[in-house]
Amino acid sequence: MSFTYKPLWKLLIDKEMSKKQLMERTNISKSTMDKMGRNERVSMEILDRLCSYFSCDISDIIEHIDEVKKS
């Protein structure tokens, strides 16, 4: 099961916001931000915090990668 945070990074670009600004405004730690940068799992609380901050749906910040179709 693989996920990517590319939609979140695109959203940051659209909002002209840096990762550091996002961390400060949502109280996300650097280690959590690093995990997202490596497409690793983060808690649902973090995803909820991001969705609430941006007033968006989860699909606007994370995307599922179908490894079967990718091969």
Protein backbone atom coordinates (compact mmCIF):
# COMPACT_ATOMS: atom_id res chain seq x y z
CA MET A 1 0.00 0.00 0.00
CA SER A 2 1.63 3.23 -1.18
CA PHE A 3 0.66 6.84 -0.93
CA THR A 4 2.14 10.10 -2.15
CA TYR A 5 1.83 13.62 -0.80
CA LYS A 6 2.31 15.21 -4.23
CA PRO A 7 -1.13 16.85 -4.04
CA LEU A 8 -0.07 18.57 -0.81
CA TRP A 9 3.16 19.86 -2.34
CA LYS A 10 1.22 21.18 -5.34
CA LEU A 11 -1.24 22.84 -2.97
CA LEU A 12 1.62 24.56 -1.17
CA ILE A 13 2.93 25.88 -4.48
CA ASP A 14 -0.55 27.14 -5.42
CA LYS A 15 -0.87 28.89 -2.04
CA GLU A 16 2.71 30.23 -2.31
CA MET A 17 3.46 28.67 1.07
CA SER A 18 6.67 27.05 2.23
CA LYS A 19 6.87 23.80 4.17
CA LYS A 20 8.21 25.78 7.11
CA GLN A 21 5.19 28.07 7.05
CA LEU A 22 2.89 25.05 6.93
CA MET A 23 4.68 23.51 9.90
CA GLU A 24 4.30 26.71 11.92
CA ARG A 25 0.64 27.28 11.03
CA THR A 26 -0.48 23.69 11.64
CA ASN A 27 1.89 22.76 14.48
CA ILE A 28 3.41 19.86 12.52
CA SER A 29 6.87 18.75 13.59
CA LYS A 30 9.88 18.64 11.29
CA SER A 31 10.08 14.85 11.69
CA THR A 32 6.46 14.51 10.51
CA MET A 33 7.14 16.81 7.57
CA ASP A 34 10.22 14.70 6.75
CA LYS A 35 8.06 11.55 6.79
CA MET A 36 5.65 13.12 4.33
CA GLY A 37 8.60 14.11 2.16
CA ARG A 38 9.56 10.43 2.01
CA ASN A 39 5.92 9.38 1.38
CA GLU A 40 5.80 7.57 4.70
CA ARG A 41 2.72 7.13 6.88
CA VAL A 42 1.61 9.85 9.24
CA SER A 43 -1.26 9.80 11.71
CA MET A 44 -4.84 10.52 10.76
CA GLU A 45 -4.66 13.42 13.21
CA ILE A 46 -2.04 15.10 11.00
CA LEU A 47 -4.09 14.50 7.86
CA ASP A 48 -7.16 15.89 9.63
CA ARG A 49 -5.19 18.95 10.73
CA LEU A 50 -4.09 19.59 7.14
CA CYS A 51 -7.59 19.12 5.74
CA SER A 52 -9.01 21.47 8.38
CA TYR A 53 -6.36 24.11 7.74
CA PHE A 54 -6.89 24.11 3.97
CA SER A 55 -10.65 23.39 4.19
CA CYS A 56 -10.15 20.58 1.72
CA ASP A 57 -10.78 16.89 1.19
CA ILE A 58 -8.16 14.25 1.95
CA SER A 59 -7.70 13.62 -1.79
CA ASP A 60 -6.41 17.20 -2.03
CA ILE A 61 -3.39 16.33 0.14
CA ILE A 62 -2.68 12.62 -0.37
CA GLU A 63 -3.05 10.21 -3.28
CA HIS A 64 -3.04 6.42 -3.40
CA ILE A 65 -0.57 4.81 -5.79
CA ASP A 66 -1.78 1.54 -7.22
CA GLU A 67 1.40 -0.57 -7.30
CA VAL A 68 -0.30 -3.27 -9.43
CA LYS A 69 -1.14 -0.83 -12.24
CA LYS A 70 2.27 0.83 -11.93
CA SER A 71 4.14 -2.41 -12.75
